[in-house]
């Protein structure tokens, strides 16, 4: 690998991490993180050509861009992809950086990869995408969304299919790894069904890290900040799943204690959010794999 290529790769991690840090700092006052979503941004960003959903840290990058620029749609594509569907990116439009994970092809690559995308020895290559709001000449097909009640029912069935033991009636929500058991407060303790599901899926995300599931452990990489990164991973997992299910993901004030730790780790290690997002994607994939009908999620 040439020094220039190594610098460009480092810039990818730094550029995306800096945007995420800025978004976290902007929302820290009311505990709103970049992965919280509602309204038009409730779904996971989608590619215009393949129709598949983006994954991992790309979801965060595109949510942040949509929020910052007021984009109402989650449909994205590269300049050439928009041209391929008969559309044209408007002049002076600024694209959004996302990453494509590439397999290491040499020993040098292998020694300098990120290794956190969940598919062996891989590294990030940057490319630029544009939102549908930035192009002319394209009319998307209408998308029908189920009524909220049906989406909540679907989400309840989604959680049940995971077959993770749950006891209701606890004083707070938590997962005990020694018992492999989730404990939840009564439903009445939550603001609404979406808030209940957000908390429950967050705890299910913790459960995916158990040794007999994904065997996830951040202690070696992050030392004292391992718990904070695990919390970020669970929050990201919940955000991905709730977006896939079409349910809003609102801030949880009890996670305010982790904000300073998240910021400290991300500023010290530009690859940390890539690791957390990758592990969250693995957890989300594990959950989808346990459903009777598996949806296609983008690469």
C-alpha atoms as a PDB file:
ATOM      1  CA  UNK A   1       0.000   0.000   0.000  1.00  0.00           C
ATOM      2  CA  UNK A   2       1.343   3.431  -0.926  1.00  0.00           C
ATOM      3  CA  UNK A   3       1.605   6.190   1.713  1.00  0.00           C
ATOM      4  CA  UNK A   4      -1.001   8.183  -0.240  1.00  0.00           C
ATOM      5  CA  UNK A   5      -3.469   5.287  -0.209  1.00  0.00           C
ATOM      6  CA  UNK A   6      -2.906   4.795   3.520  1.00  0.00           C
ATOM      7  CA  UNK A   7      -3.557   8.506   4.135  1.00  0.00           C
ATOM      8  CA  UNK A   8      -6.745   8.441   2.050  1.00  0.00           C
ATOM      9  CA  UNK A   9      -7.981   5.428   4.006  1.00  0.00           C
ATOM     10  CA  UNK A  10      -7.299   7.143   7.336  1.00  0.00           C
ATOM     11  CA  UNK A  11      -9.132  10.224   6.039  1.00  0.00           C
ATOM     12  CA  UNK A  12     -12.252   8.123   5.419  1.00  0.00           C
ATOM     13  CA  UNK A  13     -12.413   7.058   9.052  1.00  0.00           C
ATOM     14  CA  UNK A  14     -11.594  10.531  10.341  1.00  0.00           C
ATOM     15  CA  UNK A  15     -14.025  12.366   8.071  1.00  0.00           C
ATOM     16  CA  UNK A  16     -17.009  10.184   8.912  1.00  0.00           C
ATOM     17  CA  UNK A  17     -16.108  10.022  12.606  1.00  0.00           C
ATOM     18  CA  UNK A  18     -15.802  13.821  12.776  1.00  0.00           C
ATOM     19  CA  UNK A  19     -19.319  14.182  11.336  1.00  0.00           C
ATOM     20  CA  UNK A  20     -20.707  11.705  13.861  1.00  0.00           C
ATOM     21  CA  UNK A  21     -18.913  13.435  16.742  1.00  0.00           C
ATOM     22  CA  UNK A  22     -20.337  16.789  15.632  1.00  0.00           C
ATOM     23  CA  UNK A  23     -23.846  15.312  15.471  1.00  0.00           C
ATOM     24  CA  UNK A  24     -23.497  13.759  18.943  1.00  0.00           C
ATOM     25  CA  UNK A  25     -22.273  17.064  20.376  1.00  0.00           C
ATOM     26  CA  UNK A  26     -25.141  18.918  18.698  1.00  0.00           C
ATOM     27  CA  UNK A  27     -27.735  16.587  20.217  1.00  0.00           C
ATOM     28  CA  UNK A  28     -26.150  16.048  23.625  1.00  0.00           C
ATOM     29  CA  UNK A  29     -28.227  18.747  25.308  1.00  0.00           C
ATOM     30  CA  UNK A  30     -31.455  16.783  24.899  1.00  0.00           C
ATOM     31  CA  UNK A  31     -29.782  13.350  24.658  1.00  0.00           C
ATOM     32  CA  UNK A  32     -30.639  13.083  20.977  1.00  0.00           C
ATOM     33  CA  UNK A  33     -28.019  11.005  19.179  1.00  0.00           C
ATOM     34  CA  UNK A  34     -27.452  10.638  15.399  1.00  0.00           C
ATOM     35  CA  UNK A  35     -29.104   7.216  15.493  1.00  0.00           C
ATOM     36  CA  UNK A  36     -32.402   8.494  16.875  1.00  0.00           C
ATOM     37  CA  UNK A  37     -34.976   8.848  14.139  1.00  0.00           C
ATOM     38  CA  UNK A  38     -38.620   9.617  13.532  1.00  0.00           C
ATOM     39  CA  UNK A  39     -40.899  11.087  10.894  1.00  0.00           C
ATOM     40  CA  UNK A  40     -39.677  10.771   7.297  1.00  0.00           C
ATOM     41  CA  UNK A  41     -36.284   9.456   8.445  1.00  0.00           C
ATOM     42  CA  UNK A  42     -37.789   6.464  10.226  1.00  0.00           C
ATOM     43  CA  UNK A  43     -36.595   3.990   7.580  1.00  0.00           C
ATOM     44  CA  UNK A  44     -33.087   2.816   6.816  1.00  0.00           C
ATOM     45  CA  UNK A  45     -31.424   4.623   3.875  1.00  0.00           C
ATOM     46  CA  UNK A  46     -31.847   2.786   0.585  1.00  0.00           C
ATOM     47  CA  UNK A  47     -29.915   2.620  -2.684  1.00  0.00           C
ATOM     48  CA  UNK A  48     -31.770   3.812  -5.779  1.00  0.00           C
ATOM     49  CA  UNK A  49     -30.323   1.196  -8.146  1.00  0.00           C
ATOM     50  CA  UNK A  50     -30.378  -1.986  -6.092  1.00  0.00           C
ATOM     51  CA  UNK A  51     -33.264  -1.074  -3.798  1.00  0.00           C
ATOM     52  CA  UNK A  52     -31.227  -2.503  -0.954  1.00  0.00           C
ATOM     53  CA  UNK A  53     -30.689  -0.821   2.390  1.00  0.00           C
ATOM     54  CA  UNK A  54     -27.359   0.591   3.477  1.00  0.00           C
ATOM     55  CA  UNK A  55     -25.579  -1.036   6.382  1.00  0.00           C
ATOM     56  CA  UNK A  56     -23.418  -0.286   9.386  1.00  0.00           C
ATOM     57  CA  UNK A  57     -21.747   3.098   9.697  1.00  0.00           C
ATOM     58  CA  UNK A  58     -23.195   4.173   6.327  1.00  0.00           C
ATOM     59  CA  UNK A  59     -26.643   4.292   7.923  1.00  0.00           C
ATOM     60  CA  UNK A  60     -25.361   6.775  10.486  1.00  0.00           C
ATOM     61  CA  UNK A  61     -23.581   8.884   7.885  1.00  0.00           C
ATOM     62  CA  UNK A  62     -26.704   9.139   5.732  1.00  0.00           C
ATOM     63  CA  UNK A  63     -29.048   9.796   8.657  1.00  0.00           C
ATOM     64  CA  UNK A  64     -26.770  12.631   9.777  1.00  0.00           C
ATOM     65  CA  UNK A  65     -26.662  14.136   6.281  1.00  0.00           C
ATOM     66  CA  UNK A  66     -30.438  13.888   5.886  1.00  0.00           C
ATOM     67  CA  UNK A  67     -31.041  15.554   9.247  1.00  0.00           C
ATOM     68  CA  UNK A  68     -28.510  18.323   8.636  1.00  0.00           C
ATOM     69  CA  UNK A  69     -29.800  19.179   5.162  1.00  0.00           C
ATOM     70  CA  UNK A  70     -33.495  18.579   5.692  1.00  0.00           C
ATOM     71  CA  UNK A  71     -33.836  15.662   3.263  1.00  0.00           C
ATOM     72  CA  UNK A  72     -37.242  14.020   3.640  1.00  0.00           C
ATOM     73  CA  UNK A  73     -36.366  10.833   1.737  1.00  0.00           C
ATOM     74  CA  UNK A  74     -33.897   8.056   2.466  1.00  0.00           C
ATOM     75  CA  UNK A  75     -33.210   7.281  -1.214  1.00  0.00           C
ATOM     76  CA  UNK A  76     -29.553   7.672  -2.240  1.00  0.00           C
ATOM     77  CA  UNK A  77     -27.258   6.838  -5.142  1.00  0.00           C
ATOM     78  CA  UNK A  78     -23.926   7.688  -6.712  1.00  0.00           C
ATOM     79  CA  UNK A  79     -23.698  10.188  -9.567  1.00  0.00           C
ATOM     80  CA  UNK A  80     -23.569   7.360 -12.104  1.00  0.00           C
ATOM     81  CA  UNK A  81     -26.393   5.452 -10.445  1.00  0.00           C
ATOM     82  CA  UNK A  82     -28.681   8.476 -10.737  1.00  0.00           C
ATOM     83  CA  UNK A  83     -27.659   8.840 -14.380  1.00  0.00           C
ATOM     84  CA  UNK A  84     -28.469   5.175 -14.864  1.00  0.00           C
ATOM     85  CA  UNK A  85     -32.092   5.721 -13.850  1.00  0.00           C
ATOM     86  CA  UNK A  86     -32.466   8.794 -16.072  1.00  0.00           C
ATOM     87  CA  UNK A  87     -31.872  11.427 -13.398  1.00  0.00           C
ATOM     88  CA  UNK A  88     -29.245  14.142 -13.067  1.00  0.00           C
ATOM     89  CA  UNK A  89     -27.512  15.438  -9.964  1.00  0.00           C
ATOM     90  CA  UNK A  90     -27.970  19.206  -9.871  1.00  0.00           C
ATOM     91  CA  UNK A  91     -24.940  21.448 -10.291  1.00  0.00           C
ATOM     92  CA  UNK A  92     -23.095  22.501  -7.136  1.00  0.00           C
ATOM     93  CA  UNK A  93     -24.746  19.772  -5.035  1.00  0.00           C
ATOM     94  CA  UNK A  94     -22.458  18.388  -2.339  1.00  0.00           C
ATOM     95  CA  UNK A  95     -22.458  14.625  -1.929  1.00  0.00           C
ATOM     96  CA  UNK A  96     -22.210  12.553   1.240  1.00  0.00           C
ATOM     97  CA  UNK A  97     -19.294  10.231   1.957  1.00  0.00           C
ATOM     98  CA  UNK A  98     -20.057   6.591   2.633  1.00  0.00           C
ATOM     99  CA  UNK A  99     -17.795   3.566   2.597  1.00  0.00           C
ATOM    100  CA  UNK A 100     -17.576   0.369   0.632  1.00  0.00           C
ATOM    101  CA  UNK A 101     -15.879  -2.507   2.412  1.00  0.00           C
ATOM    102  CA  UNK A 102     -13.210  -4.216   0.320  1.00  0.00           C
ATOM    103  CA  UNK A 103     -11.456  -7.497   0.966  1.00  0.00           C
ATOM    104  CA  UNK A 104      -7.726  -7.174   1.685  1.00  0.00           C
ATOM    105  CA  UNK A 105      -5.814  -8.381  -1.377  1.00  0.00           C
ATOM    106  CA  UNK A 106      -2.255  -8.457  -0.036  1.00  0.00           C
ATOM    107  CA  UNK A 107      -0.294  -8.993   3.139  1.00  0.00           C
ATOM    108  CA  UNK A 108       0.258  -5.221   3.352  1.00  0.00           C
ATOM    109  CA  UNK A 109      -3.485  -4.568   3.079  1.00  0.00           C
ATOM    110  CA  UNK A 110      -4.146  -7.318   5.580  1.00  0.00           C
ATOM    111  CA  UNK A 111      -1.844  -5.690   8.117  1.00  0.00           C
ATOM    112  CA  UNK A 112      -3.475  -2.281   7.748  1.00  0.00           C
ATOM    113  CA  UNK A 113      -7.155  -3.101   7.492  1.00  0.00           C
ATOM    114  CA  UNK A 114      -9.889  -2.141   9.915  1.00  0.00           C
ATOM    115  CA  UNK A 115     -11.036  -5.719  10.364  1.00  0.00           C
ATOM    116  CA  UNK A 116     -14.311  -4.648  11.938  1.00  0.00           C
ATOM    117  CA  UNK A 117     -16.908  -5.024   9.203  1.00  0.00           C
ATOM    118  CA  UNK A 118     -17.806  -8.545  10.230  1.00  0.00           C
ATOM    119  CA  UNK A 119     -16.624 -10.295   7.073  1.00  0.00           C
ATOM    120  CA  UNK A 120     -12.974 -11.133   7.718  1.00  0.00           C
ATOM    121  CA  UNK A 121     -10.053  -8.935   6.715  1.00  0.00           C
ATOM    122  CA  UNK A 122     -11.587  -5.870   5.109  1.00  0.00           C
ATOM    123  CA  UNK A 123     -10.914  -2.167   4.795  1.00  0.00           C
ATOM    124  CA  UNK A 124     -12.918   0.926   3.868  1.00  0.00           C
ATOM    125  CA  UNK A 125     -12.964   2.732   0.522  1.00  0.00           C
ATOM    126  CA  UNK A 126     -14.830   6.036   0.291  1.00  0.00           C
ATOM    127  CA  UNK A 127     -17.386   6.938  -2.342  1.00  0.00           C
ATOM    128  CA  UNK A 128     -19.946   9.702  -2.692  1.00  0.00           C
ATOM    129  CA  UNK A 129     -23.719   9.469  -2.848  1.00  0.00           C
ATOM    130  CA  UNK A 130     -26.481  12.007  -3.411  1.00  0.00           C
ATOM    131  CA  UNK A 131     -29.988  12.134  -2.001  1.00  0.00           C
ATOM    132  CA  UNK A 132     -33.041  12.168  -4.250  1.00  0.00           C
ATOM    133  CA  UNK A 133     -33.603  15.767  -3.118  1.00  0.00           C
ATOM    134  CA  UNK A 134     -30.361  16.667  -4.915  1.00  0.00           C
ATOM    135  CA  UNK A 135     -31.358  15.319  -8.337  1.00  0.00           C
ATOM    136  CA  UNK A 136     -33.766  16.227 -11.113  1.00  0.00           C
ATOM    137  CA  UNK A 137     -35.738  13.946 -13.406  1.00  0.00           C
ATOM    138  CA  UNK A 138     -36.619  11.092 -11.092  1.00  0.00           C
ATOM    139  CA  UNK A 139     -39.994  10.212  -9.626  1.00  0.00           C
ATOM    140  CA  UNK A 140     -39.852   7.405  -7.044  1.00  0.00           C
ATOM    141  CA  UNK A 141     -42.526   4.763  -6.885  1.00  0.00           C
ATOM    142  CA  UNK A 142     -44.981   5.363  -4.045  1.00  0.00           C
ATOM    143  CA  UNK A 143     -44.239   3.343  -0.930  1.00  0.00           C
ATOM    144  CA  UNK A 144     -47.121   2.163   1.209  1.00  0.00           C
ATOM    145  CA  UNK A 145     -46.486   1.991   4.950  1.00  0.00           C
ATOM    146  CA  UNK A 146     -48.518  -0.196   7.258  1.00  0.00           C
ATOM    147  CA  UNK A 147     -50.627   1.563   9.889  1.00  0.00           C
ATOM    148  CA  UNK A 148     -48.768   2.129  13.146  1.00  0.00           C
ATOM    149  CA  UNK A 149     -50.743  -0.530  14.999  1.00  0.00           C
ATOM    150  CA  UNK A 150     -49.787  -3.160  12.423  1.00  0.00           C
ATOM    151  CA  UNK A 151     -46.142  -2.106  12.596  1.00  0.00           C
ATOM    152  CA  UNK A 152     -46.186  -2.446  16.388  1.00  0.00           C
ATOM    153  CA  UNK A 153     -47.730  -5.913  16.096  1.00  0.00           C
ATOM    154  CA  UNK A 154     -45.072  -6.872  13.550  1.00  0.00           C
ATOM    155  CA  UNK A 155     -42.348  -5.621  15.888  1.00  0.00           C
ATOM    156  CA  UNK A 156     -43.769  -7.625  18.798  1.00  0.00           C
ATOM    157  CA  UNK A 157     -43.692 -10.753  16.627  1.00  0.00           C
ATOM    158  CA  UNK A 158     -40.140  -9.865  15.545  1.00  0.00           C
ATOM    159  CA  UNK A 159     -38.970  -9.818  19.171  1.00  0.00           C
ATOM    160  CA  UNK A 160     -40.834 -13.031  20.012  1.00  0.00           C
ATOM    161  CA  UNK A 161     -39.054 -14.831  17.159  1.00  0.00           C
ATOM    162  CA  UNK A 162     -35.687 -14.126  18.818  1.00  0.00           C
ATOM    163  CA  UNK A 163     -36.623 -16.536  21.638  1.00  0.00           C
ATOM    164  CA  UNK A 164     -34.673 -14.599  24.261  1.00  0.00           C
ATOM    165  CA  UNK A 165     -36.165 -15.116  27.766  1.00  0.00           C
ATOM    166  CA  UNK A 166     -37.942 -11.986  29.066  1.00  0.00           C
ATOM    167  CA  UNK A 167     -39.465 -11.274  32.472  1.00  0.00           C
ATOM    168  CA  UNK A 168     -41.767  -8.265  32.892  1.00  0.00           C
ATOM    169  CA  UNK A 169     -42.159  -6.389  36.170  1.00  0.00           C
ATOM    170  CA  UNK A 170     -38.588  -5.372  36.994  1.00  0.00           C
ATOM    171  CA  UNK A 171     -37.655  -1.962  38.400  1.00  0.00           C
ATOM    172  CA  UNK A 172     -35.656  -1.135  35.274  1.00  0.00           C
ATOM    173  CA  UNK A 173     -34.703  -2.591  31.910  1.00  0.00           C
ATOM    174  CA  UNK A 174     -31.562  -4.721  31.869  1.00  0.00           C
ATOM    175  CA  UNK A 175     -30.034  -7.888  30.478  1.00  0.00           C
ATOM    176  CA  UNK A 176     -28.248 -10.318  32.783  1.00  0.00           C
ATOM    177  CA  UNK A 177     -25.658 -12.246  30.856  1.00  0.00           C
ATOM    178  CA  UNK A 178     -25.171 -14.767  33.680  1.00  0.00           C
ATOM    179  CA  UNK A 179     -28.846 -15.767  33.410  1.00  0.00           C
ATOM    180  CA  UNK A 180     -29.179 -15.011  29.702  1.00  0.00           C
ATOM    181  CA  UNK A 181     -32.360 -13.194  30.642  1.00  0.00           C
ATOM    182  CA  UNK A 182     -33.932  -9.794  29.908  1.00  0.00           C
ATOM    183  CA  UNK A 183     -35.827  -7.987  32.659  1.00  0.00           C
ATOM    184  CA  UNK A 184     -38.299  -5.253  31.685  1.00  0.00           C
ATOM    185  CA  UNK A 185     -40.483  -2.785  33.641  1.00  0.00           C
ATOM    186  CA  UNK A 186     -44.265  -3.000  33.125  1.00  0.00           C
ATOM    187  CA  UNK A 187     -45.545  -1.631  29.824  1.00  0.00           C
ATOM    188  CA  UNK A 188     -47.239   1.244  31.679  1.00  0.00           C
ATOM    189  CA  UNK A 189     -43.807   2.588  32.661  1.00  0.00           C
ATOM    190  CA  UNK A 190     -43.158   3.633  29.054  1.00  0.00           C
ATOM    191  CA  UNK A 191     -44.393   6.697  27.203  1.00  0.00           C
ATOM    192  CA  UNK A 192     -45.823   4.635  24.356  1.00  0.00           C
ATOM    193  CA  UNK A 193     -45.449   1.369  22.448  1.00  0.00           C
ATOM    194  CA  UNK A 194     -42.535   2.703  20.389  1.00  0.00           C
ATOM    195  CA  UNK A 195     -40.601   3.656  23.530  1.00  0.00           C
ATOM    196  CA  UNK A 196     -41.264   0.200  25.008  1.00  0.00           C
ATOM    197  CA  UNK A 197     -40.055  -1.522  21.828  1.00  0.00           C
ATOM    198  CA  UNK A 198     -36.968   0.675  21.612  1.00  0.00           C
ATOM    199  CA  UNK A 199     -35.930  -0.328  25.120  1.00  0.00           C
ATOM    200  CA  UNK A 200     -36.783  -3.993  24.623  1.00  0.00           C
ATOM    201  CA  UNK A 201     -34.852  -4.289  21.357  1.00  0.00           C
ATOM    202  CA  UNK A 202     -31.917  -2.475  22.972  1.00  0.00           C
ATOM    203  CA  UNK A 203     -31.818  -5.183  25.654  1.00  0.00           C
ATOM    204  CA  UNK A 204     -32.184  -7.880  22.993  1.00  0.00           C
ATOM    205  CA  UNK A 205     -29.135  -6.337  21.317  1.00  0.00           C
ATOM    206  CA  UNK A 206     -27.146  -6.826  24.516  1.00  0.00           C
ATOM    207  CA  UNK A 207     -28.287 -10.452  24.557  1.00  0.00           C
ATOM    208  CA  UNK A 208     -26.879 -11.051  21.065  1.00  0.00           C
ATOM    209  CA  UNK A 209     -23.412 -10.570  22.552  1.00  0.00           C
ATOM    210  CA  UNK A 210     -23.686 -13.704  24.701  1.00  0.00           C
ATOM    211  CA  UNK A 211     -21.054 -16.353  24.045  1.00  0.00           C
ATOM    212  CA  UNK A 212     -23.541 -18.814  22.507  1.00  0.00           C
ATOM    213  CA  UNK A 213     -24.764 -16.140  20.098  1.00  0.00           C
ATOM    214  CA  UNK A 214     -22.235 -13.623  18.692  1.00  0.00           C
ATOM    215  CA  UNK A 215     -19.661 -13.804  21.521  1.00  0.00           C
ATOM    216  CA  UNK A 216     -19.093 -10.036  21.502  1.00  0.00           C
ATOM    217  CA  UNK A 217     -16.521  -8.517  23.853  1.00  0.00           C
ATOM    218  CA  UNK A 218     -15.162  -4.973  23.597  1.00  0.00           C
ATOM    219  CA  UNK A 219     -12.951  -5.226  26.698  1.00  0.00           C
ATOM    220  CA  UNK A 220      -9.688  -6.018  24.916  1.00  0.00           C
ATOM    221  CA  UNK A 221     -10.044  -3.224  22.347  1.00  0.00           C
ATOM    222  CA  UNK A 222     -11.560  -0.480  24.523  1.00  0.00           C
ATOM    223  CA  UNK A 223     -10.516  -1.390  28.074  1.00  0.00           C
ATOM    224  CA  UNK A 224     -12.308   0.932  30.545  1.00  0.00           C
ATOM    225  CA  UNK A 225     -14.658   2.268  27.873  1.00  0.00           C
ATOM    226  CA  UNK A 226     -15.877  -1.198  26.874  1.00  0.00           C
ATOM    227  CA  UNK A 227     -19.231  -0.766  28.622  1.00  0.00           C
ATOM    228  CA  UNK A 228     -19.883   2.556  26.913  1.00  0.00           C
ATOM    229  CA  UNK A 229     -19.086   1.051  23.503  1.00  0.00           C
ATOM    230  CA  UNK A 230     -21.356  -1.912  24.234  1.00  0.00           C
ATOM    231  CA  UNK A 231     -24.132   0.563  25.065  1.00  0.00           C
ATOM    232  CA  UNK A 232     -23.486   2.410  21.802  1.00  0.00           C
ATOM    233  CA  UNK A 233     -23.558  -0.910  19.942  1.00  0.00           C
ATOM    234  CA  UNK A 234     -26.908  -1.835  21.512  1.00  0.00           C
ATOM    235  CA  UNK A 235     -28.332   1.610  20.728  1.00  0.00           C
ATOM    236  CA  UNK A 236     -27.186   1.337  17.114  1.00  0.00           C
ATOM    237  CA  UNK A 237     -28.663  -2.150  16.822  1.00  0.00           C
ATOM    238  CA  UNK A 238     -31.995  -0.889  18.133  1.00  0.00           C
ATOM    239  CA  UNK A 239     -31.906   2.033  15.694  1.00  0.00           C
ATOM    240  CA  UNK A 240     -31.263  -0.284  12.724  1.00  0.00           C
ATOM    241  CA  UNK A 241     -33.996  -2.722  13.699  1.00  0.00           C
ATOM    242  CA  UNK A 242     -36.567  -0.049  14.521  1.00  0.00           C
ATOM    243  CA  UNK A 243     -35.845   1.659  11.190  1.00  0.00           C
ATOM    244  CA  UNK A 244     -36.320  -1.661   9.395  1.00  0.00           C
ATOM    245  CA  UNK A 245     -39.632  -2.078  11.225  1.00  0.00           C
ATOM    246  CA  UNK A 246     -40.748   1.496  10.482  1.00  0.00           C
ATOM    247  CA  UNK A 247     -40.876   2.595  14.115  1.00  0.00           C
ATOM    248  CA  UNK A 248     -39.469   5.824  15.540  1.00  0.00           C
ATOM    249  CA  UNK A 249     -36.454   5.599  17.839  1.00  0.00           C
ATOM    250  CA  UNK A 250     -36.508   8.320  20.484  1.00  0.00           C
ATOM    251  CA  UNK A 251     -33.816   9.470  22.944  1.00  0.00           C
ATOM    252  CA  UNK A 252     -33.378   7.627  26.236  1.00  0.00           C
ATOM    253  CA  UNK A 253     -32.335  10.018  29.023  1.00  0.00           C
ATOM    254  CA  UNK A 254     -30.751   7.168  31.004  1.00  0.00           C
ATOM    255  CA  UNK A 255     -28.055   6.937  28.329  1.00  0.00           C
ATOM    256  CA  UNK A 256     -26.931  10.517  28.902  1.00  0.00           C
ATOM    257  CA  UNK A 257     -24.250   9.160  31.230  1.00  0.00           C
ATOM    258  CA  UNK A 258     -22.530   7.524  28.259  1.00  0.00           C
ATOM    259  CA  UNK A 259     -22.362  10.575  25.999  1.00  0.00           C
ATOM    260  CA  UNK A 260     -19.050  11.861  27.385  1.00  0.00           C
ATOM    261  CA  UNK A 261     -17.501   8.394  27.092  1.00  0.00           C
ATOM    262  CA  UNK A 262     -18.722   7.984  23.509  1.00  0.00           C
ATOM    263  CA  UNK A 263     -17.246  11.320  22.540  1.00  0.00           C
ATOM    264  CA  UNK A 264     -13.943  10.602  24.283  1.00  0.00           C
ATOM    265  CA  UNK A 265     -13.528   7.231  22.550  1.00  0.00           C
ATOM    266  CA  UNK A 266     -14.526   8.533  19.122  1.00  0.00           C
ATOM    267  CA  UNK A 267     -12.155  11.490  19.339  1.00  0.00           C
ATOM    268  CA  UNK A 268      -9.274   9.262  20.447  1.00  0.00           C
ATOM    269  CA  UNK A 269      -9.983   6.470  17.952  1.00  0.00           C
ATOM    270  CA  UNK A 270     -11.542   7.368  14.563  1.00  0.00           C
ATOM    271  CA  UNK A 271     -12.248   3.683  13.929  1.00  0.00           C
ATOM    272  CA  UNK A 272     -14.238   3.135  17.119  1.00  0.00           C
ATOM    273  CA  UNK A 273     -17.606   4.058  15.631  1.00  0.00           C
ATOM    274  CA  UNK A 274     -16.891   1.781  12.682  1.00  0.00           C
ATOM    275  CA  UNK A 275     -16.341  -1.069  15.131  1.00  0.00           C
ATOM    276  CA  UNK A 276     -19.501  -0.307  17.110  1.00  0.00           C
ATOM    277  CA  UNK A 277     -21.575   0.100  13.952  1.00  0.00           C
ATOM    278  CA  UNK A 278     -20.183  -3.108  12.472  1.00  0.00           C
ATOM    279  CA  UNK A 279     -20.946  -5.125  15.594  1.00  0.00           C
ATOM    280  CA  UNK A 280     -24.408  -3.537  15.698  1.00  0.00           C
ATOM    281  CA  UNK A 281     -24.953  -4.604  12.094  1.00  0.00           C
ATOM    282  CA  UNK A 282     -23.959  -8.152  13.018  1.00  0.00           C
ATOM    283  CA  UNK A 283     -26.470  -8.078  15.867  1.00  0.00           C
ATOM    284  CA  UNK A 284     -29.198  -6.743  13.573  1.00  0.00           C
ATOM    285  CA  UNK A 285     -28.374  -9.422  10.996  1.00  0.00           C
ATOM    286  CA  UNK A 286     -28.597 -12.083  13.721  1.00  0.00           C
ATOM    287  CA  UNK A 287     -32.071 -10.833  14.649  1.00  0.00           C
ATOM    288  CA  UNK A 288     -33.256 -10.752  11.033  1.00  0.00           C
ATOM    289  CA  UNK A 289     -31.907 -14.255  10.456  1.00  0.00           C
ATOM    290  CA  UNK A 290     -34.261 -15.554  13.142  1.00  0.00           C
ATOM    291  CA  UNK A 291     -37.383 -14.230  11.448  1.00  0.00           C
ATOM    292  CA  UNK A 292     -39.688 -16.481   9.420  1.00  0.00           C
ATOM    293  CA  UNK A 293     -39.161 -14.208   6.408  1.00  0.00           C
ATOM    294  CA  UNK A 294     -35.736 -12.595   5.948  1.00  0.00           C
ATOM    295  CA  UNK A 295     -35.543  -9.201   4.239  1.00  0.00           C
ATOM    296  CA  UNK A 296     -32.619  -8.232   2.025  1.00  0.00           C
ATOM    297  CA  UNK A 297     -30.389  -5.611   3.633  1.00  0.00           C
ATOM    298  CA  UNK A 298     -27.834  -3.686   1.560  1.00  0.00           C
ATOM    299  CA  UNK A 299     -24.119  -4.344   1.425  1.00  0.00           C
END
